[in-house]
C-alpha cells in the first residue's frame, strides 16, 4: 500500500469525526469547514469543498441539519449528531491508544 493510499484512507476514516467536531461549537457552511480543517491541521489535512458536500449530504440524514439560503447552507448538529460525535470521539480515542501501544516502543 502506497503512502498516498494510506493518507487517503486515514482522511476518509476521520472525515465524519472532523466535521462533527467542528459543528459541535457552532453552525458552519462547507467552505468554513474545509478551511478550518486545513488551518487547524497546519495544512496536513485538506478537503476540497466539492468532496466535503457529499459527506455533509450523507450526514444530513444521520445527525446534521442544514439551514439557510440556497446559495450558502449552514450545517449544525442535531441531538442525534451530538450522540454520533461522542461515539466517534470515543472510538477514535480507543483507536489512537491502540496505535500508540503498537508503535510506542514499550513492547519492543
C-alpha atoms as a PDB file:
ATOM      1  CA  UNK A   1       0.000   0.000   0.000  1.00  0.00           C
ATOM      2  CA  UNK A   2       1.458   3.363  -1.003  1.00  0.00           C
ATOM      3  CA  UNK A   3       1.866   6.277   1.396  1.00  0.00           C
ATOM      4  CA  UNK A   4      -0.680   8.306  -0.599  1.00  0.00           C
ATOM      5  CA  UNK A   5      -3.210   5.494  -0.261  1.00  0.00           C
ATOM      6  CA  UNK A   6      -2.667   5.302   3.485  1.00  0.00           C
ATOM      7  CA  UNK A   7      -3.079   9.083   3.822  1.00  0.00           C
ATOM      8  CA  UNK A   8      -6.284   8.989   1.772  1.00  0.00           C
ATOM      9  CA  UNK A   9      -7.658   6.123   3.900  1.00  0.00           C
ATOM     10  CA  UNK A  10      -6.830   7.953   7.143  1.00  0.00           C
ATOM     11  CA  UNK A  11      -8.526  11.106   5.875  1.00  0.00           C
ATOM     12  CA  UNK A  12     -11.574   9.178   4.729  1.00  0.00           C
ATOM     13  CA  UNK A  13     -11.849   7.382   8.057  1.00  0.00           C
ATOM     14  CA  UNK A  14     -11.631  10.574  10.094  1.00  0.00           C
ATOM     15  CA  UNK A  15     -13.766  12.867   7.921  1.00  0.00           C
ATOM     16  CA  UNK A  16     -17.022  12.448   9.825  1.00  0.00           C
ATOM     17  CA  UNK A  17     -15.301  12.971  13.172  1.00  0.00           C
ATOM     18  CA  UNK A  18     -13.644  16.162  11.931  1.00  0.00           C
ATOM     19  CA  UNK A  19     -16.878  17.576  10.510  1.00  0.00           C
ATOM     20  CA  UNK A  20     -18.950  16.711  13.570  1.00  0.00           C
ATOM     21  CA  UNK A  21     -16.295  18.169  15.876  1.00  0.00           C
ATOM     22  CA  UNK A  22     -16.320  21.497  14.033  1.00  0.00           C
ATOM     23  CA  UNK A  23     -20.113  21.642  14.031  1.00  0.00           C
ATOM     24  CA  UNK A  24     -20.301  20.951  17.769  1.00  0.00           C
ATOM     25  CA  UNK A  25     -19.363  24.536  18.619  1.00  0.00           C
ATOM     26  CA  UNK A  26     -21.444  26.377  16.004  1.00  0.00           C
ATOM     27  CA  UNK A  27     -23.238  26.156  12.673  1.00  0.00           C
ATOM     28  CA  UNK A  28     -20.859  26.386   9.716  1.00  0.00           C
ATOM     29  CA  UNK A  29     -21.005  26.306   5.950  1.00  0.00           C
ATOM     30  CA  UNK A  30     -18.997  23.887   3.811  1.00  0.00           C
ATOM     31  CA  UNK A  31     -16.245  26.311   2.850  1.00  0.00           C
ATOM     32  CA  UNK A  32     -15.736  27.256   6.501  1.00  0.00           C
ATOM     33  CA  UNK A  33     -15.483  23.584   7.493  1.00  0.00           C
ATOM     34  CA  UNK A  34     -12.927  22.920   4.762  1.00  0.00           C
ATOM     35  CA  UNK A  35     -10.858  25.988   5.685  1.00  0.00           C
ATOM     36  CA  UNK A  36     -10.880  25.188   9.405  1.00  0.00           C
ATOM     37  CA  UNK A  37      -9.764  21.592   8.836  1.00  0.00           C
ATOM     38  CA  UNK A  38      -6.817  22.804   6.772  1.00  0.00           C
ATOM     39  CA  UNK A  39      -5.930  25.659   9.138  1.00  0.00           C
ATOM     40  CA  UNK A  40      -6.195  23.705  12.378  1.00  0.00           C
ATOM     41  CA  UNK A  41      -4.195  20.794  10.965  1.00  0.00           C
ATOM     42  CA  UNK A  42      -1.420  23.126   9.860  1.00  0.00           C
ATOM     43  CA  UNK A  43      -2.125  22.196   6.241  1.00  0.00           C
ATOM     44  CA  UNK A  44      -1.652  18.478   6.851  1.00  0.00           C
ATOM     45  CA  UNK A  45      -5.293  17.618   6.231  1.00  0.00           C
ATOM     46  CA  UNK A  46      -7.119  19.219   3.323  1.00  0.00           C
ATOM     47  CA  UNK A  47     -10.604  18.617   1.961  1.00  0.00           C
ATOM     48  CA  UNK A  48     -11.772  20.165  -1.248  1.00  0.00           C
ATOM     49  CA  UNK A  49     -15.165  21.730  -0.743  1.00  0.00           C
ATOM     50  CA  UNK A  50     -16.535  19.597  -3.593  1.00  0.00           C
ATOM     51  CA  UNK A  51     -15.539  16.402  -1.790  1.00  0.00           C
ATOM     52  CA  UNK A  52     -16.932  17.678   1.506  1.00  0.00           C
ATOM     53  CA  UNK A  53     -20.513  18.189   0.328  1.00  0.00           C
ATOM     54  CA  UNK A  54     -21.264  14.510  -0.342  1.00  0.00           C
ATOM     55  CA  UNK A  55     -20.238  13.849   3.283  1.00  0.00           C
ATOM     56  CA  UNK A  56     -22.451  16.671   4.521  1.00  0.00           C
ATOM     57  CA  UNK A  57     -25.392  15.353   2.485  1.00  0.00           C
ATOM     58  CA  UNK A  58     -24.833  11.899   3.979  1.00  0.00           C
ATOM     59  CA  UNK A  59     -24.699  13.345   7.490  1.00  0.00           C
ATOM     60  CA  UNK A  60     -27.942  15.255   6.950  1.00  0.00           C
ATOM     61  CA  UNK A  61     -29.872  12.039   7.400  1.00  0.00           C
ATOM     62  CA  UNK A  62     -27.849  10.995  10.454  1.00  0.00           C
ATOM     63  CA  UNK A  63     -27.467  13.989  12.739  1.00  0.00           C
ATOM     64  CA  UNK A  64     -26.607  17.172  10.859  1.00  0.00           C
ATOM     65  CA  UNK A  65     -29.241  19.707   9.968  1.00  0.00           C
ATOM     66  CA  UNK A  66     -28.981  22.242   7.154  1.00  0.00           C
ATOM     67  CA  UNK A  67     -30.477  25.691   7.181  1.00  0.00           C
ATOM     68  CA  UNK A  68     -30.058  28.946   5.371  1.00  0.00           C
ATOM     69  CA  UNK A  69     -30.353  30.259   1.905  1.00  0.00           C
ATOM     70  CA  UNK A  70     -29.935  28.208  -1.223  1.00  0.00           C
ATOM     71  CA  UNK A  71     -26.516  29.667  -2.072  1.00  0.00           C
ATOM     72  CA  UNK A  72     -24.979  29.187   1.376  1.00  0.00           C
ATOM     73  CA  UNK A  73     -26.168  26.396   3.600  1.00  0.00           C
ATOM     74  CA  UNK A  74     -25.181  26.297   7.239  1.00  0.00           C
ATOM     75  CA  UNK A  75     -24.979  22.955   8.975  1.00  0.00           C
ATOM     76  CA  UNK A  76     -25.437  22.283  12.681  1.00  0.00           C
ATOM     77  CA  UNK A  77     -25.610  19.216  14.884  1.00  0.00           C
ATOM     78  CA  UNK A  78     -28.893  17.743  15.995  1.00  0.00           C
ATOM     79  CA  UNK A  79     -29.235  15.646  19.171  1.00  0.00           C
ATOM     80  CA  UNK A  80     -28.524  12.553  17.073  1.00  0.00           C
ATOM     81  CA  UNK A  81     -25.451  14.283  15.670  1.00  0.00           C
ATOM     82  CA  UNK A  82     -24.120  15.056  19.154  1.00  0.00           C
ATOM     83  CA  UNK A  83     -24.580  11.397  20.087  1.00  0.00           C
ATOM     84  CA  UNK A  84     -22.780  10.312  16.913  1.00  0.00           C
ATOM     85  CA  UNK A  85     -19.931  12.739  17.693  1.00  0.00           C
ATOM     86  CA  UNK A  86     -19.499  11.284  21.191  1.00  0.00           C
ATOM     87  CA  UNK A  87     -19.407   7.763  19.749  1.00  0.00           C
ATOM     88  CA  UNK A  88     -16.850   8.769  17.081  1.00  0.00           C
ATOM     89  CA  UNK A  89     -14.664  10.545  19.660  1.00  0.00           C
ATOM     90  CA  UNK A  90     -14.695   7.504  21.925  1.00  0.00           C
ATOM     91  CA  UNK A  91     -13.872   5.169  19.053  1.00  0.00           C
ATOM     92  CA  UNK A  92     -11.116   7.452  17.808  1.00  0.00           C
ATOM     93  CA  UNK A  93      -9.549   7.682  21.275  1.00  0.00           C
ATOM     94  CA  UNK A  94      -9.523   3.891  21.568  1.00  0.00           C
ATOM     95  CA  UNK A  95      -8.001   3.571  18.095  1.00  0.00           C
ATOM     96  CA  UNK A  96      -5.274   6.150  18.800  1.00  0.00           C
ATOM     97  CA  UNK A  97      -4.424   4.444  22.097  1.00  0.00           C
ATOM     98  CA  UNK A  98      -4.169   1.053  20.351  1.00  0.00           C
ATOM     99  CA  UNK A  99      -1.856   2.502  17.694  1.00  0.00           C
ATOM    100  CA  UNK A 100       0.243   4.177  20.399  1.00  0.00           C
ATOM    101  CA  UNK A 101       0.602   0.841  22.203  1.00  0.00           C
ATOM    102  CA  UNK A 102       1.697  -0.868  18.997  1.00  0.00           C
ATOM    103  CA  UNK A 103       4.119   1.820  17.826  1.00  0.00           C
ATOM    104  CA  UNK A 104       5.126   3.384  21.145  1.00  0.00           C
ATOM    105  CA  UNK A 105       8.052   1.126  21.902  1.00  0.00           C
ATOM    106  CA  UNK A 106       7.104  -0.100  25.355  1.00  0.00           C
ATOM    107  CA  UNK A 107       6.724  -3.608  23.934  1.00  0.00           C
ATOM    108  CA  UNK A 108       9.838  -3.584  21.772  1.00  0.00           C
END
